[in-house]
Protein backbone atom coordinates (compact mmCIF):
# COMPACT_ATOMS: atom_id res chain seq x y z
CA UNK A 1 4.25 -4.11 -13.80
CA UNK A 2 6.90 -6.01 -15.72
CA UNK A 3 7.06 -9.54 -17.03
CA UNK A 4 8.79 -11.07 -14.01
CA UNK A 5 6.09 -9.94 -11.59
CA UNK A 6 3.31 -11.17 -13.86
CA UNK A 7 5.13 -14.46 -14.41
CA UNK A 8 5.32 -14.90 -10.64
CA UNK A 9 1.55 -14.57 -10.40
CA UNK A 10 0.90 -16.83 -13.40
CA UNK A 11 3.08 -19.61 -11.99
CA UNK A 12 1.14 -19.52 -8.73
CA UNK A 13 -2.02 -20.68 -10.52
CA UNK A 14 -2.09 -24.48 -10.68
CA UNK A 15 -3.44 -24.80 -14.21
CA UNK A 16 -2.61 -28.43 -14.89
CA UNK A 17 -4.86 -29.43 -17.79
CA UNK A 18 -7.29 -31.41 -15.63
CA UNK A 19 -7.97 -28.35 -13.45
CA UNK A 20 -9.79 -25.05 -14.02
CA UNK A 21 -8.01 -21.98 -15.36
CA UNK A 22 -10.69 -19.39 -14.60
CA UNK A 23 -8.80 -17.81 -11.68
CA UNK A 24 -5.82 -17.19 -13.95
CA UNK A 25 -8.06 -15.76 -16.67
CA UNK A 26 -9.78 -13.46 -14.17
CA UNK A 27 -6.34 -12.18 -13.17
CA UNK A 28 -5.34 -11.56 -16.79
CA UNK A 29 -8.64 -9.86 -17.56
CA UNK A 30 -8.06 -7.58 -14.57
CA UNK A 31 -4.60 -6.59 -15.81
CA UNK A 32 -5.96 -5.83 -19.25
CA UNK A 33 -8.93 -3.89 -17.88
CA UNK A 34 -6.60 -1.75 -15.76
CA UNK A 35 -4.87 -0.80 -19.01
CA UNK A 36 -8.21 0.03 -20.65
CA UNK A 37 -8.24 -3.14 -22.77
CA UNK A 38 -11.51 -5.00 -23.27
CA UNK A 39 -11.20 -8.77 -23.50
CA UNK A 40 -13.55 -11.62 -24.26
CA UNK A 41 -13.68 -15.00 -22.54
CA UNK A 42 -14.82 -18.07 -24.47
CA UNK A 43 -15.70 -20.61 -21.73
CA UNK A 44 -16.07 -24.36 -21.97
CA UNK A 45 -19.45 -25.99 -21.38
CA UNK A 46 -18.90 -26.25 -17.63
CA UNK A 47 -17.50 -22.71 -17.40
CA UNK A 48 -14.49 -24.07 -15.51
CA UNK A 49 -12.03 -23.10 -18.25
CA UNK A 50 -11.88 -20.41 -20.89
CA UNK A 51 -9.97 -18.96 -23.78
CA UNK A 52 -9.29 -15.22 -23.81
CA UNK A 53 -9.11 -12.87 -26.76
CA UNK A 54 -8.23 -9.18 -26.70
CA UNK A 55 -7.28 -6.49 -29.20
CA UNK A 56 -5.55 -3.12 -28.96
CA UNK A 57 -5.30 -0.64 -31.80
CA UNK A 58 -7.59 0.25 -34.69
CA UNK A 59 -10.48 -1.98 -35.67
CA UNK A 60 -10.99 -3.30 -39.15
CA UNK A 61 -7.39 -4.25 -39.88
CA UNK A 62 -5.67 -7.64 -39.65
CA UNK A 63 -2.71 -7.06 -37.36
CA UNK A 64 -0.53 -9.50 -35.42
CA UNK A 65 -1.77 -12.05 -32.89
CA UNK A 66 0.29 -13.27 -29.94
CA UNK A 67 -0.80 -16.77 -28.98
CA UNK A 68 -0.09 -18.79 -25.85
CA UNK A 69 -1.66 -21.53 -23.77
CA UNK A 70 -2.31 -21.31 -20.04
CA UNK A 71 -2.38 -24.99 -19.08
CA UNK A 72 0.64 -26.95 -17.87
CA UNK A 73 1.54 -30.61 -17.44
CA UNK A 74 1.40 -32.38 -14.04
CA UNK A 75 4.21 -32.44 -11.50
CA UNK A 76 3.28 -35.72 -9.79
CA UNK A 77 6.07 -38.26 -9.77
CA UNK A 78 8.73 -35.63 -10.43
CA UNK A 79 11.49 -34.70 -7.99
CA UNK A 80 11.39 -30.91 -7.75
CA UNK A 81 13.95 -29.06 -5.64
CA UNK A 82 11.93 -25.81 -5.77
CA UNK A 83 8.17 -25.26 -5.33
CA UNK A 84 6.59 -26.02 -8.71
CA UNK A 85 3.75 -23.51 -8.39
CA UNK A 86 5.79 -20.50 -7.34
CA UNK A 87 8.54 -18.47 -8.94
CA UNK A 88 12.05 -19.16 -7.69
CA UNK A 89 14.87 -17.05 -9.13
CA UNK A 90 18.38 -18.49 -8.95
CA UNK A 91 21.50 -17.84 -11.01
CA UNK A 92 19.67 -15.99 -13.76
CA UNK A 93 16.92 -18.59 -14.07
CA UNK A 94 13.20 -18.33 -13.29
CA UNK A 95 11.92 -21.69 -12.04
CA UNK A 96 8.36 -23.02 -11.88
CA UNK A 97 5.96 -25.30 -13.72
CA UNK A 98 5.18 -23.59 -17.00
CA UNK A 99 8.02 -21.09 -16.82
CA UNK A 100 9.27 -22.28 -20.23
CA UNK A 101 6.10 -23.95 -21.52
CA UNK A 102 4.79 -21.32 -21.73
CA UNK A 103 3.83 -18.81 -19.07
CA UNK A 104 7.08 -16.92 -19.63
CA UNK A 105 5.86 -15.85 -23.06
CA UNK A 106 2.32 -15.23 -21.78
CA UNK A 107 3.71 -12.81 -19.18
CA UNK A 108 5.69 -10.96 -21.85
CA UNK A 109 2.66 -10.82 -24.15
CA UNK A 110 0.46 -9.36 -21.41
CA UNK A 111 3.03 -6.63 -20.73
CA UNK A 112 3.27 -5.93 -24.46
CA UNK A 113 -0.50 -5.55 -24.73
CA UNK A 114 -0.64 -3.08 -21.83
CA UNK A 115 2.22 -1.06 -23.32
CA UNK A 116 0.66 -1.11 -26.78
CA UNK A 117 -2.58 0.24 -25.33
CA UNK A 118 -0.72 3.48 -24.52
CA UNK A 119 0.66 3.86 -28.04
CA UNK A 120 -0.98 5.22 -31.22
CA UNK A 121 -0.99 1.98 -33.17
CA UNK A 122 -1.80 2.05 -36.85
CA UNK A 123 -2.08 -1.75 -36.97
CA UNK A 124 -3.73 -3.77 -34.16
CA UNK A 125 -2.16 -6.32 -31.84
CA UNK A 126 -4.19 -9.24 -30.56
CA UNK A 127 -3.75 -11.59 -27.61
CA UNK A 128 -5.09 -15.17 -27.74
CA UNK A 129 -4.75 -17.33 -24.61
CA UNK A 130 -6.10 -20.87 -24.61
CA UNK A 131 -6.60 -23.91 -22.41
CA UNK A 132 -6.04 -27.66 -22.82
CA UNK A 133 -3.20 -27.31 -25.33
CA UNK A 134 -1.24 -29.98 -23.49
CA UNK A 135 -3.90 -32.60 -24.19
CA UNK A 136 -4.12 -32.08 -27.93
CA UNK A 137 -4.78 -28.38 -28.61
CA UNK A 138 -8.39 -29.00 -27.61
CA UNK A 139 -9.42 -25.76 -25.91
CA UNK A 140 -8.35 -23.32 -28.63
CA UNK A 141 -10.86 -24.76 -31.10
CA UNK A 142 -13.74 -22.68 -29.70
CA UNK A 143 -11.60 -19.55 -30.05
CA UNK A 144 -10.91 -20.52 -33.66
CA UNK A 145 -14.65 -20.99 -34.20
CA UNK A 146 -15.17 -17.44 -32.94
CA UNK A 147 -12.49 -16.02 -35.24
CA UNK A 148 -13.96 -17.86 -38.23
CA UNK A 149 -17.08 -15.71 -37.94
CA UNK A 150 -15.21 -12.48 -37.17
CA UNK A 151 -15.34 -9.77 -39.87
CA UNK A 152 -11.54 -9.37 -39.73
CA UNK A 153 -8.90 -11.91 -38.72
CA UNK A 154 -5.30 -11.31 -37.69
CA UNK A 155 -2.94 -11.28 -40.64
CA UNK A 156 -0.05 -12.90 -38.78
CA UNK A 157 0.44 -14.95 -35.61
CA UNK A 158 3.39 -15.53 -33.30
CA UNK A 159 2.92 -18.65 -31.17
CA UNK A 160 5.25 -18.13 -28.20
CA UNK A 161 6.22 -21.73 -27.48
CA UNK A 162 9.86 -22.02 -26.36
CA UNK A 163 12.27 -21.89 -29.30
CA UNK A 164 15.20 -20.10 -27.69
CA UNK A 165 13.86 -17.00 -29.50
CA UNK A 166 14.62 -18.57 -32.85
CA UNK A 167 11.99 -18.37 -35.58
CA UNK A 168 10.39 -21.76 -36.20
CA UNK A 169 8.39 -22.30 -39.37
CA UNK A 170 7.04 -25.79 -38.85
CA UNK A 171 6.04 -28.70 -36.69
CA UNK A 172 4.60 -32.14 -37.35
CA UNK A 173 0.92 -32.94 -37.22
CA UNK A 174 -0.41 -35.44 -34.68
CA UNK A 175 -3.11 -38.13 -34.70
CA UNK A 176 -3.98 -39.88 -31.44
CA UNK A 177 -5.35 -43.40 -31.94
CA UNK A 178 -6.59 -46.35 -29.89
CA UNK A 179 -6.59 -50.06 -30.66
CA UNK A 180 -9.12 -52.09 -28.63
CA UNK A 181 -8.19 -55.77 -28.53
CA UNK A 182 -10.86 -58.40 -27.78
CA UNK A 183 -9.97 -61.94 -26.79
CA UNK A 184 -11.61 -64.67 -24.68
CA UNK A 185 -11.23 -64.92 -20.93
CA UNK A 186 -10.26 -68.08 -19.08
CA UNK A 187 -8.47 -69.55 -16.08
CA UNK A 188 -4.72 -69.07 -16.33
CA UNK A 189 -4.21 -72.79 -15.63
CA UNK A 190 -5.93 -73.38 -18.97
CA UNK A 191 -4.46 -70.37 -20.72
CA UNK A 192 -3.85 -72.06 -24.10
CA UNK A 193 -7.61 -72.69 -24.37
CA UNK A 194 -8.38 -68.96 -24.05
CA UNK A 195 -7.30 -65.96 -26.15
CA UNK A 196 -5.21 -63.45 -24.26
CA UNK A 197 -6.12 -59.90 -25.29
CA UNK A 198 -2.80 -58.63 -23.96
CA UNK A 199 -1.04 -60.98 -26.35
CA UNK A 200 -3.11 -59.55 -29.19
CA UNK A 201 -2.08 -56.09 -28.02
CA UNK A 202 1.58 -57.09 -27.94
CA UNK A 203 1.33 -58.45 -31.47
CA UNK A 204 -0.31 -55.20 -32.58
CA UNK A 205 2.47 -53.16 -30.96
CA UNK A 206 4.88 -55.11 -33.14
CA UNK A 207 2.84 -54.07 -36.19
CA UNK A 208 3.26 -50.43 -35.17
CA UNK A 209 6.99 -50.89 -34.59
CA UNK A 210 7.48 -52.61 -37.94
CA UNK A 211 5.62 -49.83 -39.73
CA UNK A 212 7.77 -47.26 -37.93
CA UNK A 213 10.90 -49.01 -39.18
CA UNK A 214 9.52 -48.94 -42.73
CA UNK A 215 8.67 -45.23 -42.51
CA UNK A 216 12.11 -44.41 -41.09
CA UNK A 217 13.85 -46.32 -43.86
CA UNK A 218 11.72 -45.47 -46.88
CA UNK A 219 9.26 -42.70 -45.99
CA UNK A 220 9.35 -38.95 -46.37
CA UNK A 221 12.29 -37.15 -44.78
CA UNK A 222 12.78 -33.54 -43.69
CA UNK A 223 16.25 -32.76 -42.39
CA UNK A 224 15.06 -29.62 -40.56
CA UNK A 225 13.66 -31.86 -37.79
CA UNK A 226 15.68 -33.61 -35.09
CA UNK A 227 13.81 -36.78 -36.11
CA UNK A 228 13.57 -36.29 -39.88
CA UNK A 229 10.69 -38.71 -40.56
CA UNK A 230 7.16 -39.31 -39.33
CA UNK A 231 6.97 -41.24 -36.07
CA UNK A 232 4.62 -43.89 -34.70
CA UNK A 233 4.73 -44.25 -30.94
CA UNK A 234 2.88 -46.49 -28.46
CA UNK A 235 2.34 -44.60 -25.23
CA UNK A 236 -0.02 -46.72 -23.16
CA UNK A 237 -1.19 -50.34 -22.85
CA UNK A 238 -3.94 -51.37 -20.44
CA UNK A 239 -5.48 -54.77 -19.79
CA UNK A 240 -6.01 -57.60 -17.35
CA UNK A 241 -7.59 -57.99 -13.93
CA UNK A 242 -5.24 -60.31 -12.05
CA UNK A 243 -2.58 -62.80 -12.91
CA UNK A 244 -4.73 -65.95 -12.78
CA UNK A 245 -7.27 -64.67 -15.31
CA UNK A 246 -6.59 -64.64 -19.03
CA UNK A 247 -7.74 -61.13 -20.01
CA UNK A 248 -10.41 -60.71 -22.67
CA UNK A 249 -9.83 -56.98 -23.21
CA UNK A 250 -6.81 -54.74 -23.73
CA UNK A 251 -6.34 -51.21 -25.04
CA UNK A 252 -3.32 -49.74 -26.84
CA UNK A 253 -3.06 -45.94 -27.10
CA UNK A 254 -0.65 -44.74 -29.76
CA UNK A 255 0.05 -41.80 -32.04
CA UNK A 256 1.35 -40.68 -35.41
CA UNK A 257 3.41 -37.49 -35.66
CA UNK A 258 3.52 -36.77 -39.34
CA UNK A 259 5.59 -34.68 -41.68
CA UNK A 260 3.79 -32.40 -44.10
CA UNK A 261 2.83 -34.51 -47.09
CA UNK A 262 2.73 -37.81 -45.21
CA UNK A 263 -0.24 -40.00 -46.19
CA UNK A 264 -1.51 -40.74 -42.69
CA UNK A 265 -4.61 -42.51 -44.03
CA UNK A 266 -2.29 -44.97 -45.75
CA UNK A 267 -0.41 -45.53 -42.49
CA UNK A 268 -3.64 -46.23 -40.62
CA UNK A 269 -4.77 -48.56 -43.40
CA UNK A 270 -1.47 -50.45 -43.12
CA UNK A 271 -2.01 -50.88 -39.38
CA UNK A 272 -5.53 -52.17 -40.01
CA UNK A 273 -4.13 -54.71 -42.46
CA UNK A 274 -1.58 -55.76 -39.85
CA UNK A 275 -4.34 -56.18 -37.28
CA UNK A 276 -6.37 -58.37 -39.65
CA UNK A 277 -3.31 -60.50 -40.33
CA UNK A 278 -3.02 -61.15 -36.60
CA UNK A 279 -6.70 -62.10 -36.34
CA UNK A 280 -7.08 -64.22 -39.49
CA UNK A 281 -5.66 -67.51 -38.09
CA UNK A 282 -7.62 -67.07 -34.83
CA UNK A 283 -11.17 -66.53 -36.06
CA UNK A 284 -12.03 -70.19 -36.58
CA UNK A 285 -11.50 -70.93 -32.87
CA UNK A 286 -12.25 -67.46 -31.51
CA UNK A 287 -14.81 -65.73 -33.77
CA UNK A 288 -15.13 -62.85 -31.30
CA UNK A 289 -11.44 -61.95 -31.64
CA UNK A 290 -11.00 -58.34 -32.75
CA UNK A 291 -8.58 -55.42 -32.94
CA UNK A 292 -10.50 -52.19 -33.55
CA UNK A 293 -8.57 -49.02 -34.37
CA UNK A 294 -10.25 -45.68 -33.70
CA UNK A 295 -9.08 -42.13 -34.24
CA UNK A 296 -9.36 -40.11 -31.02
CA UNK A 297 -8.28 -36.59 -32.02
CA UNK A 298 -5.75 -34.80 -34.14
CA UNK A 299 -4.23 -31.47 -35.04
CA UNK A 300 -2.54 -30.43 -38.27
CA UNK A 301 1.12 -29.72 -38.73
CA UNK A 302 2.52 -26.30 -39.54
CA UNK A 303 4.58 -25.71 -42.65
CA UNK A 304 5.12 -21.99 -43.23
CA UNK A 305 7.39 -21.26 -46.18
CA UNK A 306 10.82 -20.02 -45.12
CA UNK A 307 10.46 -16.95 -47.36
CA UNK A 308 6.93 -16.07 -46.22
CA UNK A 309 6.25 -12.48 -45.18
CA UNK A 310 5.57 -13.50 -41.57
CA UNK A 311 8.94 -15.26 -41.37
CA UNK A 312 10.86 -12.28 -42.67
CA UNK A 313 8.87 -9.96 -40.42
CA UNK A 314 9.55 -11.87 -37.21
CA UNK A 315 13.19 -12.46 -38.16
CA UNK A 316 13.43 -8.70 -38.42
CA UNK A 317 12.01 -8.32 -34.91
CA UNK A 318 14.47 -10.79 -33.39
CA UNK A 319 17.54 -10.16 -35.53
CA UNK A 320 17.61 -13.84 -36.50
CA UNK A 321 19.27 -15.02 -39.69
CA UNK A 322 17.92 -18.54 -40.11
CA UNK A 323 14.86 -20.58 -39.23
CA UNK A 324 14.18 -23.91 -37.56
CA UNK A 325 11.41 -26.47 -37.07
CA UNK A 326 10.29 -27.90 -33.73
CA UNK A 327 9.57 -31.46 -32.68
CA UNK A 328 6.54 -30.61 -30.54
CA UNK A 329 3.08 -29.63 -31.73
CA UNK A 330 1.42 -26.24 -31.27
CA UNK A 331 -1.82 -24.43 -31.98
CA UNK A 332 -0.10 -22.79 -34.93
CA UNK A 333 -1.12 -25.57 -37.29
CA UNK A 334 -4.79 -24.93 -36.47
CA UNK A 335 -4.47 -21.17 -36.96
CA UNK A 336 -2.90 -21.77 -40.35
CA UNK A 337 -5.12 -24.63 -41.54
CA UNK A 338 -8.50 -23.39 -40.28
CA UNK A 339 -8.09 -19.61 -40.40
CA UNK A 340 -5.41 -19.04 -43.02
CA UNK A 341 -3.36 -16.94 -40.58
CA UNK A 342 0.33 -16.89 -41.50
CA UNK A 343 2.04 -18.30 -38.41
CA UNK A 344 5.48 -18.80 -36.91
CA UNK A 345 6.63 -20.09 -33.52
CA UNK A 346 9.00 -17.92 -31.49
CA UNK A 347 9.27 -17.71 -27.74
CA UNK A 348 11.61 -17.69 -24.75
CA UNK A 349 13.20 -20.77 -23.24
CA UNK A 350 13.78 -24.31 -24.43
CA UNK A 351 11.48 -27.31 -24.54
CA UNK A 352 14.45 -29.24 -23.15
CA UNK A 353 13.33 -27.73 -19.83
CA UNK A 354 9.62 -28.25 -20.45
CA UNK A 355 7.65 -31.06 -18.78
CA UNK A 356 10.56 -31.78 -16.42
CA UNK A 357 11.22 -31.14 -12.73
CA UNK A 358 12.76 -27.74 -11.97
CA UNK A 359 11.47 -26.31 -15.25
CA UNK A 360 12.88 -22.87 -15.90
CA UNK A 361 13.28 -20.02 -18.35
CA UNK A 362 16.35 -17.79 -18.18
CA UNK A 363 16.13 -14.08 -17.45
CA UNK A 364 18.14 -13.51 -20.64
CA UNK A 365 15.47 -15.27 -22.70
CA UNK A 366 12.68 -13.23 -21.12
CA UNK A 367 14.60 -10.04 -21.87
CA UNK A 368 15.04 -11.09 -25.50
CA UNK A 369 11.32 -11.80 -25.75
CA UNK A 370 10.53 -8.39 -24.26
CA UNK A 371 12.83 -6.79 -26.84
CA UNK A 372 11.09 -8.64 -29.70
CA UNK A 373 7.68 -7.50 -28.55
CA UNK A 374 8.87 -3.91 -28.05
CA UNK A 375 10.10 -3.96 -31.65
CA UNK A 376 6.71 -5.34 -32.69
CA UNK A 377 4.92 -2.43 -31.03
CA UNK A 378 7.16 0.05 -32.84
CA UNK A 379 6.32 -1.61 -36.18
CA UNK A 380 2.59 -1.53 -35.38
CA UNK A 381 2.87 2.19 -34.61
CA UNK A 382 4.20 2.75 -38.12
CA UNK A 383 1.76 0.27 -39.66
CA UNK A 384 2.46 -3.00 -41.46
């Protein structure tokens, strides 16, 4: 069974992050079992989702881990011309939600594991599949907890997010934050006598935008990224009941995507100072006025040295000359920061197709990924 057939089955599972992934994991476990590969599921508390971990080859050695996530982003509100949860092949492209991000790589990795199981490996290969990556790399953390107590960890990791099969050595870290704005309600006919929480939120958004401008002009820069500085982005603003009520509550959800070395605590402190500057002239009349900033979740960035052994190793597998960095986050930062596993990102497709209608990965990219993983198996036969 080759990658295309497995990809067809994987795409048919609707594993949007707010839905279970157990049916997909049962399918993968069955494929591995048929090849004589034992695998372990690490379920969530409700046992509706799980991570999967499997190993082929000799025990007691580090080896190379192939990492991918099984969840995908929603399709609602997008104008698809092909069925999103089925494989459609046209003009050398394989369409479907998750084809690029990142079930294409997962299919290739499953095939590689089953092929490796038939070979006399001297160094093991591991497969790590996770859930809820699309909502902040949340699911993989229980898998990382398991590996932290394991007697032996993988030496290297290839995260198969779409890079066009280039070797990526880094991505920014992310912090998700929320600002809760408290005002005083009132009738809209008497709006100046109340304190509009949405206005507080709008003023706070301006604080975020001003800080972004400062960071862009004077902060750290890394020219390997498309956006070479840390970014602050407001993604959601909620508040109000109806137009004739001055709202007393509003919520701003925003994020920081930070370069390695960025002092994110200092950025958050600057936003807190900006919030207090908004509130200071209001407290005499509205003592309840408040803008509370809370940290929701985060994941670290990845910054593997360009001359690291894992970089040279994977470049050798792909035939690549240079390296790149990616704008999007991955689980690679957690593997590096929490487990000390040397990690790169390299997988088929482009994130330019990810999260969009008619998402696809090209057949050519899948074939290049298959070739990389075949070369990996040959190296593991000889031993690292």
